[in-house]
Amino acid sequence: MLRVLRNQIYRRLFTAQIVALLGTGLATVALGLLAYDVAGGHASLVLGGIFTVKMIAYVFVAPLTSAALVRLPRRTVMVASDLLRLVVALCLPFADQVWQIFVLVFVLQAASATFTPTFQAVIPLVLPDEDDYTQALSLSRLAYDLESIVSPMLAALLLLVIHSNTLFFGTALGFAASAMLVLSTALPVSLGLTSADDGPQLPFGIRARAGVMHFVHRPGLRPILALNFVAAAAMSLVLVQTVVIVRSQLGLDESMVAVFLAINGAGSMTAALAIPRVLRTVDERTIMLPAAGILAALTALAGVVLLISAGPTQFGMLAVLWFVMGLAWSAVETPIGRIIRRETPSDQLSAVFAAQFSLSHACWLISYPLAGALGLAGLPTAAFVLAGLAAAAAVLASLLWRAEPQLRTLEVMRADTAEGP
């Protein structure tokens, strides 16, 4: 997998991604502590608001900025996004009102919603070989999983010697390093990485919805819409309710919450390491559809374990489930970039990756509060309902993929008819 890092352009961009993710992870810890400093006993409400603001920015900003900035070189867009995130990170330590935190978080996440799809659109052009690109997708997945593990550990070490607000300056350093790495990377114009090859300017409204419409009209991309919801519905149980399961159901201390989340991340990383080799012999749907079904089934099984088991047995079974759910989650999501690249012209990659970023987070925006609300009716109930939703979405993805050959044939026939004799 490390072979792809021999590509100097990709190596610099990947390093930029890693340092930016570390900075983001520090900010996540610091925001929780800042919320407590500002709101005290109401910190959970502030944090809930922060996560909601984050998802709203992700859902609505990505396609709009992709359309608005389409004529700018992508390196310029990424550097400007990093610099904006740097400025916000430097402002956050001085926020002393809840509304100030919300505004700054929205701007921060809006900049991230601009940076990430642009970054994702550049990588397949830098790495035209499919095996190399698959390895890059797996490395990206590993980077996200490691960020969720390493950043809290790094924050904990730093908090031994600095005040919590100082973590934001670490975040700023991460974004500064990312900007410098991207700025020092020569992205070749010949690969269509600037506006020079973007073609005629379309009205803003058309550009803003172009990526989403591409998803709707391309038979090969429609299953991704359903698979996004499978992942969100199933994994929201893990991400939202792990703290409740560990603290209330298992009666363990706070440190075990991190252990369970790390177990889930380890499963995800294991799959990410294996996927490039597997995809050399099978296509994406052979991995993604079974993984989606497994993810739904494991969510239901978690409900059964929460309902009937107790004590050490329950601990062991849930730990195994969390690991395997991490495996299935990564198997569903990692190959998505390959499908998008294959189904999308290079001049539309930014818009389509922005649409995927927006649509996938829209699924999380639904599933996060749903998982929290369902938990009020009991953890088993939450697991069963989320499993049912994930299973329905998995069935829909299977049906959409099954219909793809017929829909492609119909598209070809319509194109031939339109061209005439």
Protein backbone atom coordinates (compact mmCIF):
# COMPACT_ATOMS: atom_id res chain seq x y z
CA MET A 1 0.00 0.00 0.00
CA LEU A 2 2.88 2.39 0.73
CA ARG A 3 3.95 2.19 -2.93
CA VAL A 4 1.58 5.03 -3.77
CA LEU A 5 3.54 7.34 -1.45
CA ARG A 6 6.39 7.28 -3.99
CA ASN A 7 4.30 9.78 -5.96
CA GLN A 8 5.67 13.09 -4.67
CA ILE A 9 2.50 15.09 -5.38
CA TYR A 10 0.27 12.59 -3.62
CA ARG A 11 2.72 12.23 -0.73
CA ARG A 12 2.61 15.97 -0.05
CA LEU A 13 -1.19 16.08 -0.31
CA PHE A 14 -1.60 13.06 1.95
CA THR A 15 0.73 14.60 4.53
CA ALA A 16 -1.36 17.78 4.35
CA GLN A 17 -4.46 15.70 5.02
CA ILE A 18 -2.88 14.02 8.04
CA VAL A 19 -1.70 17.22 9.74
CA ALA A 20 -5.07 18.90 9.08
CA LEU A 21 -6.89 15.91 10.58
CA LEU A 22 -4.68 16.01 13.68
CA GLY A 23 -5.52 19.67 14.07
CA THR A 24 -9.22 18.93 13.65
CA GLY A 25 -9.00 16.21 16.29
CA LEU A 26 -7.42 18.61 18.77
CA ALA A 27 -10.20 21.10 18.03
CA THR A 28 -12.84 18.45 18.77
CA VAL A 29 -11.42 17.89 22.26
CA ALA A 30 -10.92 21.62 22.84
CA LEU A 31 -14.49 22.44 21.78
CA GLY A 32 -15.89 20.07 24.37
CA LEU A 33 -13.83 21.72 27.08
CA LEU A 34 -14.69 25.21 25.80
CA ALA A 35 -18.40 24.33 25.86
CA TYR A 36 -18.06 23.31 29.51
CA ASP A 37 -16.20 26.52 30.37
CA VAL A 38 -18.88 28.66 28.71
CA ALA A 39 -22.07 26.72 29.54
CA GLY A 40 -21.18 24.63 32.61
CA GLY A 41 -23.93 22.10 33.29
CA HIS A 42 -25.54 22.87 29.92
CA ALA A 43 -22.39 21.89 28.00
CA SER A 44 -24.10 18.84 26.48
CA LEU A 45 -26.71 21.09 24.87
CA VAL A 46 -23.96 23.30 23.46
CA LEU A 47 -22.08 20.27 22.12
CA GLY A 48 -25.27 18.96 20.53
CA GLY A 49 -25.68 22.35 18.88
CA ILE A 50 -22.07 22.30 17.69
CA PHE A 51 -22.52 18.90 16.02
CA THR A 52 -25.77 20.04 14.43
CA VAL A 53 -24.12 23.20 13.08
CA LYS A 54 -21.29 21.04 11.75
CA MET A 55 -23.65 18.77 9.84
CA ILE A 56 -25.71 21.68 8.48
CA ALA A 57 -22.52 23.26 7.15
CA TYR A 58 -21.44 19.98 5.58
CA VAL A 59 -24.81 19.33 3.94
CA PHE A 60 -25.51 22.76 2.50
CA VAL A 61 -22.15 24.45 2.00
CA ALA A 62 -20.25 21.82 -0.02
CA PRO A 63 -22.31 22.00 -3.26
CA LEU A 64 -22.64 25.79 -3.04
CA THR A 65 -18.92 26.47 -2.65
CA SER A 66 -18.11 23.89 -5.32
CA ALA A 67 -20.33 25.80 -7.74
CA ALA A 68 -19.15 29.25 -6.64
CA LEU A 69 -15.43 28.43 -6.85
CA VAL A 70 -15.48 26.27 -9.96
CA ARG A 71 -13.33 28.73 -11.96
CA LEU A 72 -10.57 28.91 -9.35
CA PRO A 73 -7.52 26.61 -9.35
CA ARG A 74 -8.11 23.80 -6.91
CA ARG A 75 -4.82 24.42 -5.11
CA THR A 76 -5.97 27.98 -4.45
CA VAL A 77 -9.28 26.71 -3.06
CA MET A 78 -7.55 24.26 -0.71
CA VAL A 79 -5.00 26.78 0.56
CA ALA A 80 -7.66 29.45 1.11
CA SER A 81 -9.81 26.92 3.01
CA ASP A 82 -6.89 26.02 5.26
CA LEU A 83 -6.11 29.67 5.94
CA LEU A 84 -9.73 30.37 6.84
CA ARG A 85 -9.73 27.39 9.21
CA LEU A 86 -6.49 28.68 10.72
CA VAL A 87 -8.03 32.10 11.43
CA VAL A 88 -11.11 30.53 13.03
CA ALA A 89 -8.95 28.27 15.21
CA LEU A 90 -7.06 31.33 16.46
CA CYS A 91 -10.36 33.08 17.28
CA LEU A 92 -11.98 30.19 19.17
CA PRO A 93 -9.92 30.56 22.41
CA PHE A 94 -11.38 34.04 22.82
CA ALA A 95 -15.04 33.04 22.38
CA ASP A 96 -16.97 33.55 25.61
CA GLN A 97 -20.55 33.38 24.34
CA VAL A 98 -22.43 30.38 22.97
CA TRP A 99 -23.49 32.23 19.81
CA GLN A 100 -19.86 33.12 19.10
CA ILE A 101 -18.90 29.44 19.31
CA PHE A 102 -21.71 28.48 16.92
CA VAL A 103 -20.73 31.14 14.36
CA LEU A 104 -17.05 30.21 14.47
CA VAL A 105 -17.80 26.49 14.25
CA PHE A 106 -20.06 27.07 11.23
CA VAL A 107 -17.30 29.01 9.44
CA LEU A 108 -14.74 26.35 10.37
CA GLN A 109 -16.89 23.50 9.08
CA ALA A 110 -17.88 25.46 5.97
CA ALA A 111 -14.18 25.78 5.16
CA SER A 112 -13.76 22.02 5.76
CA ALA A 113 -16.76 21.36 3.49
CA THR A 114 -14.89 23.30 0.81
CA PHE A 115 -11.47 21.74 1.36
CA THR A 116 -12.41 18.07 1.60
CA PRO A 117 -14.38 17.57 -1.67
CA THR A 118 -11.76 19.60 -3.55
CA PHE A 119 -9.01 17.41 -2.10
CA GLN A 120 -10.98 14.27 -2.97
CA ALA A 121 -11.46 15.47 -6.56
CA VAL A 122 -7.74 16.14 -7.03
CA ILE A 123 -6.50 12.70 -5.92
CA PRO A 124 -7.97 10.60 -8.79
CA LEU A 125 -6.39 13.02 -11.28
CA VAL A 126 -3.01 12.84 -9.57
CA LEU A 127 -3.24 9.02 -9.45
CA PRO A 128 -4.74 7.86 -12.78
CA ASP A 129 -3.84 4.20 -12.14
CA GLU A 130 -6.81 2.45 -10.50
CA ASP A 131 -4.68 0.34 -8.13
CA ASP A 132 -2.83 3.44 -6.95
CA TYR A 133 -6.08 5.30 -6.43
CA THR A 134 -7.56 2.38 -4.48
CA GLN A 135 -4.52 2.42 -2.20
CA ALA A 136 -4.99 6.17 -1.74
CA LEU A 137 -8.62 5.62 -0.71
CA SER A 138 -7.52 3.07 1.87
CA LEU A 139 -4.81 5.38 3.19
CA SER A 140 -7.35 8.17 3.49
CA ARG A 141 -9.63 5.87 5.45
CA LEU A 142 -6.73 4.90 7.70
CA ALA A 143 -5.94 8.57 8.26
CA TYR A 144 -9.48 9.28 9.44
CA ASP A 145 -9.48 6.25 11.75
CA LEU A 146 -6.07 7.07 13.20
CA GLU A 147 -7.15 10.69 13.74
CA SER A 148 -10.02 9.52 15.95
CA ILE A 149 -7.54 7.53 18.05
CA VAL A 150 -4.33 9.58 18.00
CA SER A 151 -5.80 13.08 18.38
CA PRO A 152 -7.52 12.42 21.76
CA MET A 153 -4.32 10.77 23.05
CA LEU A 154 -2.23 13.73 21.86
CA ALA A 155 -4.72 16.15 23.41
CA ALA A 156 -4.57 14.28 26.72
CA LEU A 157 -0.76 14.55 26.78
CA LEU A 158 -0.81 18.24 25.89
CA LEU A 159 -3.38 18.98 28.59
CA LEU A 160 -0.86 17.83 31.17
CA VAL A 161 1.23 20.92 30.45
CA ILE A 162 -1.05 23.49 28.76
CA HIS A 163 -4.50 25.01 29.22
CA SER A 164 -7.34 23.51 27.18
CA ASN A 165 -7.79 26.65 25.06
CA THR A 166 -4.18 26.35 23.93
CA LEU A 167 -5.19 23.24 21.99
CA PHE A 168 -6.75 25.54 19.41
CA PHE A 169 -3.29 26.91 18.63
CA GLY A 170 -2.24 23.32 17.87
CA THR A 171 -5.21 23.16 15.53
CA ALA A 172 -4.04 26.36 13.84
CA LEU A 173 -0.55 24.90 13.39
CA GLY A 174 -2.07 21.84 11.72
CA PHE A 175 -3.98 23.97 9.23
CA ALA A 176 -0.93 26.18 8.62
CA ALA A 177 1.20 23.12 7.86
CA SER A 178 -1.50 21.76 5.56
CA ALA A 179 -1.68 25.07 3.65
CA MET A 180 2.11 25.19 3.25
CA LEU A 181 2.25 21.62 1.98
CA VAL A 182 -0.52 22.20 -0.57
CA LEU A 183 1.03 25.53 -1.64
CA SER A 184 4.40 23.86 -2.21
CA THR A 185 2.83 21.14 -4.37
CA ALA A 186 2.95 21.73 -8.11
CA LEU A 187 -0.38 20.46 -9.43
CA PRO A 188 0.00 19.99 -13.20
CA VAL A 189 -2.39 21.97 -15.40
CA SER A 190 -2.30 19.10 -17.88
CA LEU A 191 -4.35 17.02 -15.44
CA GLY A 192 -7.18 19.54 -15.45
CA LEU A 193 -6.47 20.79 -11.96
CA THR A 194 -7.25 24.42 -12.74
CA SER A 195 -10.15 26.23 -14.33
CA ALA A 196 -8.41 26.23 -17.70
CA ASP A 197 -10.22 23.07 -18.77
CA ASP A 198 -13.54 23.59 -17.01
CA GLY A 199 -15.40 24.64 -20.15
CA PRO A 200 -18.09 27.30 -20.54
CA GLN A 201 -19.49 28.99 -17.46
CA LEU A 202 -22.95 27.70 -16.48
CA PRO A 203 -25.47 29.58 -14.32
CA PHE A 204 -24.76 29.26 -10.59
CA GLY A 205 -28.03 27.42 -9.86
CA ILE A 206 -27.23 24.74 -12.40
CA ARG A 207 -23.68 24.36 -11.11
CA ALA A 208 -24.88 24.13 -7.50
CA ARG A 209 -27.13 21.17 -8.21
CA ALA A 210 -25.03 19.59 -10.96
CA GLY A 211 -23.29 17.10 -8.66
CA VAL A 212 -26.51 15.94 -7.01
CA MET A 213 -28.24 15.62 -10.41
CA HIS A 214 -25.28 13.58 -11.65
CA PHE A 215 -25.88 11.15 -8.78
CA VAL A 216 -29.58 10.94 -9.63
CA HIS A 217 -29.11 10.43 -13.36
CA ARG A 218 -26.18 7.99 -13.34
CA PRO A 219 -27.39 4.42 -12.69
CA GLY A 220 -23.94 3.45 -11.43
CA LEU A 221 -24.01 6.11 -8.71
CA ARG A 222 -27.55 5.68 -7.40
CA PRO A 223 -26.69 2.72 -5.14
CA ILE A 224 -24.19 4.96 -3.30
CA LEU A 225 -27.08 7.12 -2.10
CA ALA A 226 -28.65 4.11 -0.39
CA LEU A 227 -25.33 2.79 0.92
CA ASN A 228 -24.61 6.15 2.55
CA PHE A 229 -27.77 5.68 4.61
CA VAL A 230 -26.88 2.09 5.50
CA ALA A 231 -23.61 3.30 7.02
CA ALA A 232 -25.19 6.25 8.81
CA ALA A 233 -28.11 4.30 10.27
CA ALA A 234 -26.00 1.43 11.56
CA MET A 235 -22.98 3.38 12.76
CA SER A 236 -25.02 6.05 14.52
CA LEU A 237 -25.76 3.38 17.13
CA VAL A 238 -22.01 3.04 17.74
CA LEU A 239 -21.13 6.72 17.63
CA VAL A 240 -24.11 8.04 19.60
CA GLN A 241 -24.89 5.28 22.07
CA THR A 242 -21.48 3.78 22.91
CA VAL A 243 -21.11 6.10 25.89
CA VAL A 244 -24.54 5.06 27.21
CA ILE A 245 -23.89 1.37 26.59
CA VAL A 246 -20.50 1.44 28.33
CA ARG A 247 -21.47 3.63 31.27
CA SER A 248 -25.07 2.53 31.95
CA GLN A 249 -25.45 -0.93 30.43
CA LEU A 250 -22.00 -2.32 31.22
CA GLY A 251 -21.33 -0.12 34.26
CA LEU A 252 -17.76 0.68 33.21
CA ASP A 253 -15.74 3.87 33.64
CA GLU A 254 -15.18 6.63 31.08
CA SER A 255 -11.90 5.21 29.77
CA MET A 256 -13.74 2.18 28.40
CA VAL A 257 -15.78 4.44 26.12
CA ALA A 258 -12.54 5.29 24.32
CA VAL A 259 -11.59 1.60 24.29
CA PHE A 260 -14.84 0.59 22.56
CA LEU A 261 -14.53 3.37 19.99
CA ALA A 262 -10.90 2.35 19.40
CA ILE A 263 -12.02 -1.26 18.85
CA ASN A 264 -14.48 -0.04 16.22
CA GLY A 265 -11.74 2.07 14.61
CA ALA A 266 -9.39 -0.92 14.59
CA GLY A 267 -11.96 -2.93 12.64
CA SER A 268 -12.28 -0.10 10.14
CA MET A 269 -8.50 0.13 9.71
CA THR A 270 -8.20 -3.64 9.24
CA ALA A 271 -10.68 -3.55 6.37
CA ALA A 272 -9.01 -0.49 4.82
CA LEU A 273 -5.69 -2.36 4.74
CA ALA A 274 -7.25 -5.40 3.06
CA ILE A 275 -9.54 -3.71 0.52
CA PRO A 276 -6.92 -2.74 -2.13
CA ARG A 277 -5.82 -6.37 -2.47
CA VAL A 278 -9.40 -7.67 -2.55
CA LEU A 279 -10.47 -5.18 -5.23
CA ARG A 280 -7.84 -6.56 -7.59
CA THR A 281 -9.93 -9.72 -7.99
CA VAL A 282 -13.55 -8.62 -7.40
CA ASP A 283 -15.64 -5.56 -8.21
CA GLU A 284 -16.92 -3.03 -5.70
CA ARG A 285 -20.46 -4.32 -5.40
CA THR A 286 -19.18 -7.79 -4.44
CA ILE A 287 -17.69 -6.16 -1.35
CA MET A 288 -20.10 -3.32 -0.63
CA LEU A 289 -23.49 -5.06 -0.85
CA PRO A 290 -22.63 -7.99 1.46
CA ALA A 291 -20.94 -5.55 3.84
CA ALA A 292 -24.10 -3.41 3.90
CA GLY A 293 -26.23 -6.46 4.72
CA ILE A 294 -23.78 -7.55 7.40
CA LEU A 295 -23.80 -4.06 8.91
CA ALA A 296 -27.59 -4.10 9.20
CA ALA A 297 -27.58 -7.64 10.65
CA LEU A 298 -24.90 -6.79 13.22
CA THR A 299 -26.87 -3.75 14.36
CA ALA A 300 -29.88 -6.00 14.98
CA LEU A 301 -27.64 -8.52 16.75
CA ALA A 302 -26.38 -5.72 19.00
CA GLY A 303 -30.00 -5.15 19.99
CA VAL A 304 -30.38 -8.82 20.88
CA VAL A 305 -27.19 -8.76 22.98
CA LEU A 306 -28.33 -5.62 24.79
CA LEU A 307 -31.70 -7.25 25.43
CA ILE A 308 -30.75 -10.69 26.69
CA SER A 309 -27.13 -10.69 27.87
CA ALA A 310 -25.44 -9.31 30.95
CA GLY A 311 -22.04 -9.17 32.61
CA PRO A 312 -18.70 -10.22 31.06
CA THR A 313 -20.45 -12.14 28.27
CA GLN A 314 -22.18 -8.98 27.11
CA PHE A 315 -18.92 -7.05 27.25
CA GLY A 316 -17.12 -9.59 25.05
CA MET A 317 -19.93 -9.92 22.53
CA LEU A 318 -20.32 -6.16 22.14
CA ALA A 319 -16.57 -5.71 21.72
CA VAL A 320 -16.57 -8.29 18.90
CA LEU A 321 -19.63 -6.67 17.32
CA TRP A 322 -18.03 -3.22 17.44
CA PHE A 323 -14.90 -4.58 15.72
CA VAL A 324 -16.80 -6.39 12.95
CA MET A 325 -19.10 -3.40 12.45
CA GLY A 326 -15.95 -1.34 11.88
CA LEU A 327 -14.86 -3.86 9.25
CA ALA A 328 -18.20 -3.69 7.46
CA TRP A 329 -18.38 0.12 7.71
CA SER A 330 -15.02 0.51 5.99
CA ALA A 331 -15.95 -2.09 3.36
CA VAL A 332 -19.08 -0.10 2.48
CA GLU A 333 -17.46 3.34 2.33
CA THR A 334 -13.86 2.93 1.13
CA PRO A 335 -14.61 1.84 -2.48
CA ILE A 336 -17.08 4.72 -3.09
CA GLY A 337 -14.38 6.98 -4.52
CA ARG A 338 -13.51 4.39 -7.19
CA ILE A 339 -17.10 4.28 -8.38
CA ILE A 340 -17.38 8.07 -8.46
CA ARG A 341 -14.18 8.37 -10.48
CA ARG A 342 -15.31 5.75 -12.99
CA GLU A 343 -18.77 7.26 -13.42
CA THR A 344 -17.75 10.93 -13.60
CA PRO A 345 -15.90 13.03 -16.22
CA SER A 346 -12.78 14.67 -14.79
CA ASP A 347 -14.19 18.18 -15.21
CA GLN A 348 -17.16 17.27 -12.98
CA LEU A 349 -15.25 15.51 -10.20
CA SER A 350 -15.28 18.50 -7.84
CA ALA A 351 -19.05 18.90 -8.12
CA VAL A 352 -19.75 15.18 -7.70
CA PHE A 353 -17.41 14.72 -4.74
CA ALA A 354 -19.04 17.79 -3.16
CA ALA A 355 -22.43 16.17 -3.73
CA GLN A 356 -21.25 12.92 -2.14
CA PHE A 357 -19.86 14.86 0.82
CA SER A 358 -23.17 16.71 1.20
CA LEU A 359 -25.50 13.75 0.66
CA SER A 360 -23.58 11.39 2.95
CA HIS A 361 -23.61 13.94 5.76
CA ALA A 362 -27.33 14.52 5.18
CA CYS A 363 -27.76 10.85 6.11
CA TRP A 364 -25.79 11.46 9.31
CA LEU A 365 -27.82 14.58 10.02
CA ILE A 366 -30.90 12.33 10.04
CA SER A 367 -29.43 9.34 11.84
CA TYR A 368 -27.57 11.12 14.66
CA PRO A 369 -30.63 12.74 16.29
CA LEU A 370 -32.74 9.68 15.44
CA ALA A 371 -30.32 7.39 17.30
CA GLY A 372 -30.36 9.75 20.26
CA ALA A 373 -34.15 10.00 20.35
CA LEU A 374 -34.63 6.24 19.95
CA GLY A 375 -32.31 5.68 22.90
CA LEU A 376 -34.97 7.21 25.14
CA ALA A 377 -37.14 4.17 24.35
CA GLY A 378 -34.31 1.81 25.32
CA LEU A 379 -31.03 0.71 23.75
CA PRO A 380 -32.44 -2.52 22.23
CA THR A 381 -35.29 -0.56 20.61
CA ALA A 382 -32.81 1.92 19.14
CA ALA A 383 -30.69 -0.92 17.73
CA PHE A 384 -33.66 -2.74 16.18
CA VAL A 385 -35.12 0.36 14.53
CA LEU A 386 -31.77 1.49 13.16
CA ALA A 387 -31.08 -2.05 11.93
CA GLY A 388 -34.44 -2.08 10.12
CA LEU A 389 -33.67 1.23 8.41
CA ALA A 390 -30.19 0.03 7.44
CA ALA A 391 -31.60 -3.23 6.07
CA ALA A 392 -34.20 -1.38 3.98
CA ALA A 393 -31.49 0.87 2.54
CA ALA A 394 -29.29 -2.17 1.81
CA VAL A 395 -32.14 -3.83 -0.09
CA LEU A 396 -32.69 -0.62 -2.05
CA ALA A 397 -28.98 -0.46 -2.95
CA SER A 398 -29.14 -4.06 -4.19
CA LEU A 399 -32.22 -3.33 -6.32
CA LEU A 400 -30.65 -0.20 -7.77
CA TRP A 401 -27.49 -2.08 -8.71
CA ARG A 402 -29.52 -4.93 -10.20
CA ALA A 403 -31.38 -2.44 -12.37
CA GLU A 404 -28.18 -0.71 -13.53
CA PRO A 405 -27.54 -2.80 -16.72
CA GLN A 406 -31.10 -2.27 -17.99
CA LEU A 407 -30.95 1.45 -17.22
CA ARG A 408 -27.63 1.80 -19.03
CA THR A 409 -29.06 0.03 -22.08
CA LEU A 410 -32.04 2.38 -22.01
CA GLU A 411 -29.71 5.39 -21.83
CA VAL A 412 -27.75 4.16 -24.85
CA MET A 413 -30.98 3.61 -26.83
CA ARG A 414 -32.17 7.12 -25.98
CA ALA A 415 -28.82 8.59 -27.03
CA ASP A 416 -28.89 6.70 -30.33
CA THR A 417 -32.46 7.89 -30.98
CA ALA A 418 -31.53 11.48 -30.20
CA GLU A 419 -28.61 11.37 -32.65
CA GLY A 420 -30.85 10.07 -35.40
CA PRO A 421 -29.76 8.25 -38.59
